[in-house]
Amino acid sequence: MNGRIALLALLLLSACVPQRQWRTQPAAASANGNAEDRFSMPLNVKQNRLYSLSFVEFDNAGNPYDARQLPEALAAIDAADTRSNHHAVVVVFVHGWKNNAGQNNNNVLDLRRQLNRIAADVCQGITPAQCGLAAIYIGWNGDSVRRQWGTLRQASIYSRRGVAQHVAAGKVGDALLTVMGHVKKGNGRNGNRSIVVGHSFGGLILDAAIDTKLRQAAAQIATQVNGADRNLDALTVPVLQELADLIVLINEAAPGVRAVNFLAEYRRALQRVHFLLPPRRANCPPADTSQDCKSLTRPLILAVSSETDLATKTLLPISEKISASKLKLTQEAIQELPKDLDEKKVSTTASAHTPQLYSHHLVECDKEDCNPCLKRDKYYIPVRIRSLPALAPGNPTNKDMPLNYCLERDFRSWNQTPYWIFSLPTAIVPDHGTIFTDRFTDFLTAFVQPLREMTEAPPPPPSLKQEAGR
């Protein structure tokens, strides 16, 4: 009997993923060592790495594994700002279930592939040494069971949800807000851009991190809207300078409670405000009605899920029914719930799987009428996918093909605010984990301020001027 118990214990140990820090070396200590061990990997033109990649990792209690990681990540942002002459693009990613910050982790490897593609786009036409792309990977112990233990790994959703909730209640929120605020902190840095993406339980972590700042921004908006006799396209919201230009919750593994509480309190004020992107083409004549001369609405926050994400569509409601989250709807939210939406569903279902909360609908242009996206109208957003691979989910053909969508605002919706919620087709995001694809990157570019300045060579920073003069 003891032998069987020992064998079972050995098998269980072999199934476990270590709960530890994965990036262990500061830059100074590993200058001559393996770059993959560093807190931050700098841009390296010789190795064709046209971006920096920094790691900030947290333990199961939400505390930093090493307090030196965050300062190195901030220094990487400063370096990107300097070499691009205040035209940096900062991408922050908070991973989710079944992932960590390990060198061979799928999220790490797939993010790096997309960073190469983003660098090719935003740094086109400038010297590689001026490419101001910096990425920060927020790591935690989202993985506990090795891949080959399939059934046991699926069951880890319960333990990983608990860890994610502990992490969300820890220091990660402070770190995320510090990173977001640092991107534009300093003279001349308003030209920098940042995108923060939280995936799965990483969406839960990011959602909790921004809640207070989002409420502060909404309160500032409500103050300005109060007494106005019209809807507002332009207003000053100082708190937004402390947040990213685009905040994305993709396949968030959390019920819609936080979103509904927020919307119930601020929906009436927020629905009178439009945040606009500048036209994609500069200096358009007033009479030019082409797509690239439109000023289009943009979200404060974007919450989306794949229609075929079974983890959040099926497993999440089951897990919430078995063991409910501590976050509850406020009395105001219960009274404000839209028609046909009850407290039970909000408490068990992700917001992007709750049609009653949708603000928009994404319509494929070769199947539906996309004429609204052809009008000079700020409410309809063209979304262009350059190529859906042959035989990929959602592509019935044997060849790569482009896709065109129109994101149409739902003017009958309970949620007509800049907190955008809607579902994504399989062609863009096929399942819970497959998010680092060219088509998802293309999708996100529809909601980011145009980076045309990145394709025009900025003046070189002082260090490059000195080298050019030698």
Protein backbone atom coordinates (compact mmCIF):
# COMPACT_ATOMS: atom_id res chain seq x y z
CA MET A 1 0.00 0.00 0.00
CA ASN A 2 2.79 2.42 0.93
CA GLY A 3 4.43 1.72 -2.42
CA ARG A 4 1.25 2.60 -4.29
CA ILE A 5 0.87 5.81 -2.34
CA ALA A 6 4.49 6.69 -3.09
CA LEU A 7 3.97 5.96 -6.79
CA LEU A 8 0.82 8.08 -6.89
CA ALA A 9 2.63 10.93 -5.14
CA LEU A 10 5.49 10.66 -7.65
CA LEU A 11 3.05 10.77 -10.57
CA LEU A 12 1.30 13.82 -9.15
CA LEU A 13 4.61 15.58 -8.63
CA SER A 14 5.61 14.84 -12.21
CA ALA A 15 2.38 16.48 -13.37
CA CYS A 16 3.03 19.72 -11.51
CA VAL A 17 4.41 22.89 -13.08
CA PRO A 18 6.86 24.71 -10.76
CA GLN A 19 5.41 27.76 -9.03
CA ARG A 20 8.37 30.11 -9.28
CA GLN A 21 10.05 33.11 -10.86
CA TRP A 22 11.24 32.35 -14.40
CA ARG A 23 13.27 35.43 -15.32
CA THR A 24 15.96 35.66 -12.67
CA GLN A 25 18.80 37.90 -13.85
CA PRO A 26 19.01 41.71 -13.89
CA ALA A 27 20.56 43.21 -17.01
CA ALA A 28 23.82 44.17 -15.29
CA ALA A 29 24.38 40.69 -13.86
CA SER A 30 23.79 38.90 -17.15
CA ALA A 31 25.31 41.25 -19.69
CA ASN A 32 27.52 38.44 -20.94
CA GLY A 33 25.11 35.61 -20.21
CA ASN A 34 21.88 34.24 -21.67
CA ALA A 35 19.53 37.09 -22.61
CA GLU A 36 16.57 34.76 -22.04
CA ASP A 37 17.27 34.74 -18.29
CA ARG A 38 17.06 38.51 -17.99
CA PHE A 39 14.32 40.61 -16.50
CA SER A 40 14.47 42.62 -19.70
CA MET A 41 15.77 41.69 -23.16
CA PRO A 42 16.83 44.84 -25.01
CA LEU A 43 16.38 45.64 -28.67
CA ASN A 44 19.06 43.79 -30.65
CA VAL A 45 19.31 44.73 -34.32
CA LYS A 46 21.99 42.09 -35.03
CA GLN A 47 19.65 39.35 -33.83
CA ASN A 48 16.73 40.96 -35.67
CA ARG A 49 14.92 41.62 -32.40
CA LEU A 50 13.45 45.03 -33.15
CA TYR A 51 11.77 45.35 -29.77
CA SER A 52 12.56 45.05 -26.10
CA LEU A 53 10.75 42.50 -23.94
CA SER A 54 10.55 42.89 -20.16
CA PHE A 55 9.08 40.57 -17.53
CA VAL A 56 7.42 41.56 -14.25
CA GLU A 57 6.43 38.46 -12.24
CA PHE A 58 4.21 37.93 -9.19
CA ASP A 59 3.89 35.10 -6.68
CA ASN A 60 0.66 33.42 -5.58
CA ALA A 61 0.01 36.11 -3.00
CA GLY A 62 0.27 38.89 -5.60
CA ASN A 63 3.68 40.12 -4.43
CA PRO A 64 6.57 40.79 -6.84
CA TYR A 65 9.05 37.94 -7.04
CA ASP A 66 11.82 40.48 -7.47
CA ALA A 67 11.32 44.22 -6.91
CA ARG A 68 14.06 44.97 -9.46
CA GLN A 69 11.99 43.75 -12.42
CA LEU A 70 9.59 46.72 -12.59
CA PRO A 71 12.32 49.41 -12.68
CA GLU A 72 14.00 47.55 -15.55
CA ALA A 73 10.70 47.45 -17.44
CA LEU A 74 10.28 51.21 -16.93
CA ALA A 75 13.86 51.75 -18.11
CA ALA A 76 13.02 49.77 -21.27
CA ILE A 77 10.11 52.17 -21.92
CA ASP A 78 12.48 55.11 -21.46
CA ALA A 79 14.93 53.57 -23.92
CA ALA A 80 12.16 53.05 -26.51
CA ASP A 81 11.04 56.65 -26.01
CA THR A 82 14.58 57.96 -26.49
CA ARG A 83 15.53 55.95 -29.56
CA SER A 84 12.20 56.74 -31.28
CA ASN A 85 12.23 60.42 -30.30
CA HIS A 86 8.95 60.15 -28.38
CA HIS A 87 7.24 57.82 -30.84
CA ALA A 88 7.35 54.64 -28.77
CA VAL A 89 4.74 51.90 -28.90
CA VAL A 90 4.39 49.99 -25.63
CA VAL A 91 2.53 46.67 -25.55
CA VAL A 92 1.66 45.17 -22.15
CA PHE A 93 0.28 41.66 -21.84
CA VAL A 94 -1.18 39.95 -18.76
CA HIS A 95 -1.35 36.22 -19.43
CA GLY A 96 -4.02 33.88 -18.17
CA TRP A 97 -4.80 30.27 -17.40
CA LYS A 98 -2.25 27.54 -18.30
CA ASN A 99 0.60 30.02 -18.81
CA ASN A 100 3.54 31.62 -17.01
CA ALA A 101 6.70 33.58 -17.90
CA GLY A 102 8.83 30.56 -18.82
CA GLN A 103 11.14 30.75 -21.82
CA ASN A 104 9.24 28.05 -23.74
CA ASN A 105 5.77 29.11 -22.69
CA ASN A 106 3.42 29.36 -25.65
CA ASN A 107 2.21 32.85 -24.74
CA VAL A 108 5.78 34.12 -24.52
CA LEU A 109 6.78 32.60 -27.86
CA ASP A 110 3.61 33.69 -29.65
CA LEU A 111 3.83 37.23 -28.29
CA ARG A 112 7.38 37.50 -29.64
CA ARG A 113 6.20 36.44 -33.10
CA GLN A 114 3.55 39.17 -33.08
CA LEU A 115 6.05 41.74 -31.82
CA ASN A 116 8.19 41.03 -34.87
CA ARG A 117 5.16 41.66 -37.07
CA ILE A 118 4.19 44.83 -35.22
CA ALA A 119 7.75 46.11 -35.50
CA ALA A 120 7.69 45.51 -39.25
CA ASP A 121 4.54 47.64 -39.46
CA VAL A 122 5.15 50.53 -37.09
CA CYS A 123 8.87 50.89 -37.79
CA GLN A 124 8.62 50.71 -41.56
CA GLY A 125 10.77 53.35 -43.24
CA ILE A 126 13.05 54.10 -40.28
CA THR A 127 16.36 52.59 -39.26
CA PRO A 128 15.99 49.49 -37.03
CA ALA A 129 17.92 51.20 -34.24
CA GLN A 130 15.13 53.81 -34.02
CA CYS A 131 12.32 51.29 -33.59
CA GLY A 132 10.56 52.26 -30.37
CA LEU A 133 8.62 49.06 -29.73
CA ALA A 134 8.72 47.87 -26.12
CA ALA A 135 6.72 44.99 -24.63
CA ILE A 136 6.11 44.10 -21.00
CA TYR A 137 4.91 40.63 -20.02
CA ILE A 138 3.09 40.44 -16.67
CA GLY A 139 3.71 36.94 -15.30
CA TRP A 140 2.07 34.92 -12.53
CA ASN A 141 1.56 31.21 -11.82
CA GLY A 142 -1.29 30.62 -14.23
CA ASP A 143 -0.11 27.10 -15.00
CA SER A 144 -0.05 24.27 -12.46
CA VAL A 145 -0.41 21.05 -14.48
CA ARG A 146 1.79 19.99 -17.41
CA ARG A 147 0.28 19.88 -20.89
CA GLN A 148 0.34 16.09 -21.24
CA TRP A 149 -2.02 15.70 -18.25
CA GLY A 150 -5.04 16.91 -20.22
CA THR A 151 -8.03 16.14 -17.96
CA LEU A 152 -6.20 17.10 -14.78
CA ARG A 153 -5.07 20.29 -16.47
CA GLN A 154 -8.65 21.29 -17.30
CA ALA A 155 -9.64 20.79 -13.68
CA SER A 156 -6.99 23.33 -12.65
CA ILE A 157 -9.43 26.12 -13.58
CA TYR A 158 -10.62 26.17 -9.96
CA SER A 159 -7.20 26.51 -8.32
CA ARG A 160 -5.92 28.98 -10.95
CA ARG A 161 -9.00 31.17 -10.53
CA GLY A 162 -8.23 31.40 -6.83
CA VAL A 163 -4.60 32.31 -7.52
CA ALA A 164 -5.65 34.93 -10.08
CA GLN A 165 -7.98 36.51 -7.53
CA HIS A 166 -5.15 36.65 -4.97
CA VAL A 167 -2.81 38.16 -7.56
CA ALA A 168 -5.45 40.72 -8.56
CA ALA A 169 -5.76 41.77 -4.92
CA GLY A 170 -1.98 42.15 -4.57
CA LYS A 171 0.63 44.50 -6.01
CA VAL A 172 0.07 43.74 -9.70
CA GLY A 173 -2.48 46.56 -10.02
CA ASP A 174 0.05 49.09 -8.77
CA ALA A 175 2.61 47.77 -11.26
CA LEU A 176 0.20 47.95 -14.20
CA LEU A 177 -0.85 51.49 -13.37
CA THR A 178 2.79 52.51 -12.94
CA VAL A 179 3.63 51.11 -16.39
CA MET A 180 0.64 52.77 -18.07
CA GLY A 181 1.35 56.13 -16.50
CA HIS A 182 5.07 55.95 -17.29
CA VAL A 183 4.54 55.70 -21.05
CA LYS A 184 3.60 59.40 -21.34
CA LYS A 185 5.23 60.70 -18.18
CA GLY A 186 7.71 63.43 -19.07
CA ASN A 187 8.18 66.27 -21.53
CA GLY A 188 7.36 65.45 -25.14
CA ARG A 189 6.10 61.94 -24.43
CA ASN A 190 2.49 62.47 -25.48
CA GLY A 191 3.48 61.00 -28.85
CA ASN A 192 4.01 57.58 -27.27
CA ARG A 193 1.24 54.97 -27.53
CA SER A 194 0.35 52.03 -25.30
CA ILE A 195 -1.88 48.97 -25.53
CA VAL A 196 -2.62 46.73 -22.54
CA VAL A 197 -4.19 43.32 -23.07
CA GLY A 198 -5.44 40.95 -20.38
CA HIS A 199 -6.31 37.41 -21.46
CA SER A 200 -8.42 34.83 -19.61
CA PHE A 201 -7.65 35.11 -15.87
CA GLY A 202 -5.23 37.85 -16.92
CA GLY A 203 -8.35 39.76 -17.97
CA LEU A 204 -9.68 39.32 -14.44
CA ILE A 205 -6.40 40.71 -13.08
CA LEU A 206 -6.35 43.68 -15.49
CA ASP A 207 -10.05 44.42 -14.88
CA ALA A 208 -9.43 44.68 -11.14
CA ALA A 209 -6.29 46.77 -11.66
CA ILE A 210 -7.99 49.52 -13.65
CA ASP A 211 -11.29 49.63 -11.74
CA THR A 212 -10.44 52.57 -9.48
CA LYS A 213 -8.87 54.68 -12.24
CA LEU A 214 -11.73 53.89 -14.60
CA ARG A 215 -14.19 55.09 -11.96
CA GLN A 216 -12.17 58.25 -11.42
CA ALA A 217 -12.24 58.92 -15.17
CA ALA A 218 -16.00 58.28 -15.29
CA ALA A 219 -16.53 60.69 -12.39
CA GLN A 220 -14.53 63.38 -14.20
CA ILE A 221 -16.62 62.77 -17.31
CA ALA A 222 -19.89 62.92 -15.36
CA THR A 223 -18.89 66.28 -13.87
CA GLN A 224 -18.32 67.76 -17.33
CA VAL A 225 -21.44 66.25 -18.87
CA ASN A 226 -23.65 67.54 -16.07
CA GLY A 227 -25.51 70.58 -17.32
CA ALA A 228 -24.32 70.24 -20.92
CA ASP A 229 -27.09 70.67 -23.47
CA ARG A 230 -25.59 68.25 -26.02
CA ASN A 231 -23.44 65.16 -26.35
CA LEU A 232 -19.70 65.78 -26.16
CA ASP A 233 -17.04 64.77 -28.66
CA ALA A 234 -14.17 66.50 -26.91
CA LEU A 235 -13.48 66.91 -23.21
CA THR A 236 -10.55 66.85 -20.83
CA VAL A 237 -10.19 63.77 -18.63
CA PRO A 238 -6.86 64.03 -16.75
CA VAL A 239 -7.05 60.50 -15.31
CA LEU A 240 -6.97 59.03 -18.82
CA GLN A 241 -3.35 60.19 -19.13
CA GLU A 242 -2.60 57.55 -16.50
CA LEU A 243 -4.21 54.75 -18.51
CA ALA A 244 -3.29 53.07 -21.78
CA ASP A 245 -4.58 54.29 -25.13
CA LEU A 246 -6.29 50.93 -25.57
CA ILE A 247 -7.25 48.49 -22.80
CA VAL A 248 -8.44 45.08 -23.97
CA LEU A 249 -10.06 42.23 -22.05
CA ILE A 250 -9.95 39.22 -24.38
CA ASN A 251 -11.75 36.02 -23.37
CA GLU A 252 -11.88 37.33 -19.80
CA ALA A 253 -12.43 34.44 -17.37
CA ALA A 254 -14.62 36.36 -14.94
CA PRO A 255 -18.34 37.10 -14.63
CA GLY A 256 -19.63 40.47 -15.82
CA VAL A 257 -20.29 41.74 -12.28
CA ARG A 258 -17.59 44.41 -12.28
CA ALA A 259 -18.66 45.74 -15.69
CA VAL A 260 -22.33 45.88 -14.73
CA ASN A 261 -21.60 47.62 -11.42
CA PHE A 262 -19.54 50.23 -13.27
CA LEU A 263 -22.09 50.75 -16.04
CA ALA A 264 -25.02 50.95 -13.65
CA GLU A 265 -23.35 53.83 -11.84
CA TYR A 266 -21.98 55.80 -14.81
CA ARG A 267 -23.94 54.66 -17.88
CA ARG A 268 -26.11 57.76 -18.22
CA ALA A 269 -23.16 60.13 -18.19
CA LEU A 270 -20.90 57.97 -20.34
CA GLN A 271 -23.45 57.49 -23.11
CA ARG A 272 -23.29 61.24 -23.78
CA VAL A 273 -19.55 61.14 -24.49
CA HIS A 274 -17.68 60.13 -27.62
CA PHE A 275 -13.93 59.64 -27.70
CA LEU A 276 -12.56 60.07 -31.22
CA LEU A 277 -9.56 58.83 -33.13
CA PRO A 278 -7.98 61.28 -35.56
CA PRO A 279 -8.31 60.44 -39.27
CA ARG A 280 -5.90 57.86 -40.59
CA ARG A 281 -4.82 60.31 -43.28
CA ALA A 282 -3.59 63.74 -42.28
CA ASN A 283 -4.64 67.07 -43.85
CA CYS A 284 -7.80 65.79 -45.51
CA PRO A 285 -9.87 68.38 -47.42
CA PRO A 286 -13.18 69.15 -45.66
CA ALA A 287 -15.18 67.67 -48.53
CA ASP A 288 -13.24 64.37 -48.57
CA THR A 289 -15.59 61.62 -47.39
CA SER A 290 -13.18 58.69 -47.84
CA GLN A 291 -12.69 56.16 -45.09
CA ASP A 292 -9.23 57.37 -44.12
CA CYS A 293 -10.51 60.91 -43.57
CA LYS A 294 -13.04 59.95 -40.90
CA SER A 295 -12.74 60.71 -37.19
CA LEU A 296 -14.07 57.51 -35.64
CA THR A 297 -15.23 56.72 -32.14
CA ARG A 298 -12.90 54.73 -29.92
CA PRO A 299 -13.44 52.79 -26.68
CA LEU A 300 -12.28 53.56 -23.18
CA ILE A 301 -12.13 49.81 -22.68
CA LEU A 302 -12.75 46.91 -25.05
CA ALA A 303 -14.20 43.64 -23.68
CA VAL A 304 -14.47 40.91 -26.31
CA SER A 305 -14.71 37.12 -26.40
CA SER A 306 -14.68 34.54 -29.14
CA GLU A 307 -18.05 33.02 -30.00
CA THR A 308 -16.31 29.64 -29.78
CA ASP A 309 -14.41 30.16 -26.52
CA LEU A 310 -15.69 27.15 -24.58
CA ALA A 311 -13.58 27.92 -21.50
CA THR A 312 -15.42 31.16 -20.73
CA LYS A 313 -18.69 30.23 -22.42
CA THR A 314 -19.13 26.82 -20.74
CA LEU A 315 -16.53 26.12 -18.03
CA LEU A 316 -16.72 29.56 -16.39
CA PRO A 317 -20.48 29.45 -15.66
CA ILE A 318 -20.11 25.93 -14.26
CA SER A 319 -17.21 26.91 -12.01
CA GLU A 320 -19.06 30.02 -10.80
CA LYS A 321 -22.13 27.96 -9.91
CA ILE A 322 -19.98 25.51 -7.93
CA SER A 323 -17.95 28.19 -6.19
CA ALA A 324 -19.12 31.76 -6.71
CA SER A 325 -16.74 34.73 -6.82
CA LYS A 326 -16.78 37.13 -3.89
CA LEU A 327 -17.56 40.15 -6.07
CA LYS A 328 -21.31 40.89 -5.96
CA LEU A 329 -23.71 43.18 -7.79
CA THR A 330 -24.57 46.41 -6.01
CA GLN A 331 -28.19 47.18 -5.21
CA GLU A 332 -28.08 49.97 -7.78
CA ALA A 333 -26.85 47.52 -10.43
CA ILE A 334 -29.60 45.03 -9.62
CA GLN A 335 -32.21 47.76 -10.09
CA GLU A 336 -30.55 48.96 -13.31
CA LEU A 337 -30.20 45.57 -15.03
CA PRO A 338 -31.38 45.61 -18.66
CA LYS A 339 -34.45 43.71 -19.74
CA ASP A 340 -34.13 39.90 -19.83
CA LEU A 341 -30.92 39.93 -17.77
CA ASP A 342 -31.09 38.66 -14.22
CA GLU A 343 -28.66 38.71 -11.31
CA LYS A 344 -27.88 35.00 -11.64
CA LYS A 345 -26.68 35.28 -15.23
CA VAL A 346 -24.52 38.34 -14.53
CA SER A 347 -22.93 36.49 -11.61
CA THR A 348 -21.99 33.44 -13.69
CA THR A 349 -21.40 34.70 -17.24
CA ALA A 350 -18.63 36.79 -18.80
CA SER A 351 -19.80 40.19 -20.06
CA ALA A 352 -18.73 39.43 -23.65
CA HIS A 353 -21.00 36.34 -23.60
CA THR A 354 -23.96 38.40 -22.38
CA PRO A 355 -25.81 39.89 -25.40
CA GLN A 356 -27.86 42.21 -23.17
CA LEU A 357 -24.62 44.11 -22.43
CA TYR A 358 -23.40 44.41 -26.03
CA SER A 359 -22.65 47.89 -27.31
CA HIS A 360 -21.76 46.85 -30.88
CA HIS A 361 -22.05 44.01 -33.37
CA LEU A 362 -19.26 42.93 -35.73
CA VAL A 363 -20.71 42.26 -39.18
CA GLU A 364 -18.79 40.48 -41.94
CA CYS A 365 -19.05 42.56 -45.09
CA ASP A 366 -19.42 39.82 -47.68
CA LYS A 367 -22.38 38.35 -45.78
CA GLU A 368 -24.21 41.41 -44.47
CA ASP A 369 -24.77 45.03 -45.45
CA CYS A 370 -21.67 47.07 -44.55
CA ASN A 371 -22.89 50.32 -46.04
CA PRO A 372 -22.79 52.14 -42.68
CA CYS A 373 -19.02 51.74 -42.70
CA LEU A 374 -18.90 53.51 -46.06
CA LYS A 375 -20.66 56.62 -44.81
CA ARG A 376 -19.03 59.63 -43.23
CA ASP A 377 -20.22 58.53 -39.80
CA LYS A 378 -18.13 58.31 -36.64
CA TYR A 379 -20.09 55.40 -35.13
CA TYR A 380 -19.14 52.62 -37.59
CA ILE A 381 -15.61 51.18 -37.50
CA PRO A 382 -14.10 49.35 -40.47
CA VAL A 383 -12.09 46.30 -39.39
CA ARG A 384 -9.74 44.85 -42.00
CA ILE A 385 -8.10 41.44 -41.59
CA ARG A 386 -5.27 41.25 -44.10
CA SER A 387 -5.22 37.47 -44.35
CA LEU A 388 -7.09 34.56 -42.81
CA PRO A 389 -4.90 31.48 -43.41
CA ALA A 390 -6.13 28.68 -45.64
CA LEU A 391 -8.16 26.07 -43.73
CA ALA A 392 -8.05 28.12 -40.53
CA PRO A 393 -11.23 28.03 -38.42
CA GLY A 394 -13.73 30.25 -40.17
CA ASN A 395 -12.09 29.84 -43.59
CA PRO A 396 -13.80 27.12 -45.68
CA THR A 397 -11.47 27.66 -48.65
CA ASN A 398 -8.05 26.23 -49.45
CA LYS A 399 -6.38 29.61 -49.82
CA ASP A 400 -5.56 32.62 -47.70
CA MET A 401 -8.19 35.34 -47.90
CA PRO A 402 -8.72 38.86 -46.58
CA LEU A 403 -11.73 39.67 -44.43
CA ASN A 404 -13.61 42.92 -44.03
CA TYR A 405 -15.92 43.68 -41.16
CA CYS A 406 -17.95 46.63 -39.99
CA LEU A 407 -18.28 47.21 -36.27
CA GLU A 408 -21.78 48.67 -35.96
CA ARG A 409 -23.00 50.50 -32.89
CA ASP A 410 -26.25 49.19 -31.42
CA PHE A 411 -28.36 52.31 -30.82
CA ARG A 412 -31.03 50.26 -29.02
CA SER A 413 -28.60 48.77 -26.54
CA TRP A 414 -28.71 49.31 -22.76
CA ASN A 415 -24.96 49.91 -23.05
CA GLN A 416 -24.23 52.82 -25.41
CA THR A 417 -21.10 53.92 -23.59
CA PRO A 418 -17.37 53.91 -24.45
CA TYR A 419 -17.16 50.63 -22.48
CA TRP A 420 -17.47 48.47 -25.58
CA ILE A 421 -18.62 44.86 -25.26
CA PHE A 422 -19.26 42.42 -28.10
CA SER A 423 -18.37 38.96 -29.39
CA LEU A 424 -15.79 37.98 -32.01
CA PRO A 425 -16.23 35.46 -34.81
CA THR A 426 -14.17 32.27 -34.98
CA ALA A 427 -12.21 33.68 -37.93
CA ILE A 428 -10.62 36.33 -35.69
CA VAL A 429 -10.27 34.35 -32.44
CA PRO A 430 -10.95 30.62 -32.87
CA ASP A 431 -10.92 29.49 -29.22
CA HIS A 432 -9.92 30.44 -25.70
CA GLY A 433 -6.14 30.34 -26.06
CA THR A 434 -5.40 31.20 -29.71
CA ILE A 435 -5.10 34.97 -29.52
CA PHE A 436 -1.58 35.73 -30.77
CA THR A 437 -2.39 35.67 -34.47
CA ASP A 438 -1.95 38.13 -37.31
CA ARG A 439 -5.71 38.49 -37.60
CA PHE A 440 -6.20 39.43 -33.94
CA THR A 441 -3.40 41.99 -34.24
CA ASP A 442 -5.14 43.38 -37.35
CA PHE A 443 -8.39 43.56 -35.38
CA LEU A 444 -6.79 45.62 -32.60
CA THR A 445 -5.33 48.18 -35.02
CA ALA A 446 -8.86 49.38 -35.79
CA PHE A 447 -9.04 50.87 -32.28
CA VAL A 448 -5.61 52.45 -31.94
CA GLN A 449 -4.69 56.00 -32.84
CA PRO A 450 -2.99 55.90 -36.24
CA LEU A 451 0.75 55.39 -35.98
CA ARG A 452 1.55 57.07 -39.28
CA GLU A 453 4.31 59.03 -37.57
CA MET A 454 6.11 55.75 -36.98
CA THR A 455 6.50 55.28 -40.73
CA GLU A 456 8.18 58.65 -41.10
CA ALA A 457 11.75 58.72 -39.87
CA PRO A 458 11.92 60.92 -36.76
CA PRO A 459 15.08 62.89 -36.01
CA PRO A 460 17.60 60.50 -34.45
CA PRO A 461 18.10 60.78 -30.69
CA PRO A 462 21.38 62.35 -29.49
CA SER A 463 23.24 59.04 -29.17
CA LEU A 464 22.50 58.13 -32.80
CA LYS A 465 23.40 61.64 -33.98
CA GLN A 466 26.80 61.23 -32.35
CA GLU A 467 27.32 57.85 -33.99
CA ALA A 468 26.23 59.22 -37.39
CA GLY A 469 28.83 62.00 -37.08
CA ARG A 470 31.72 59.63 -36.46
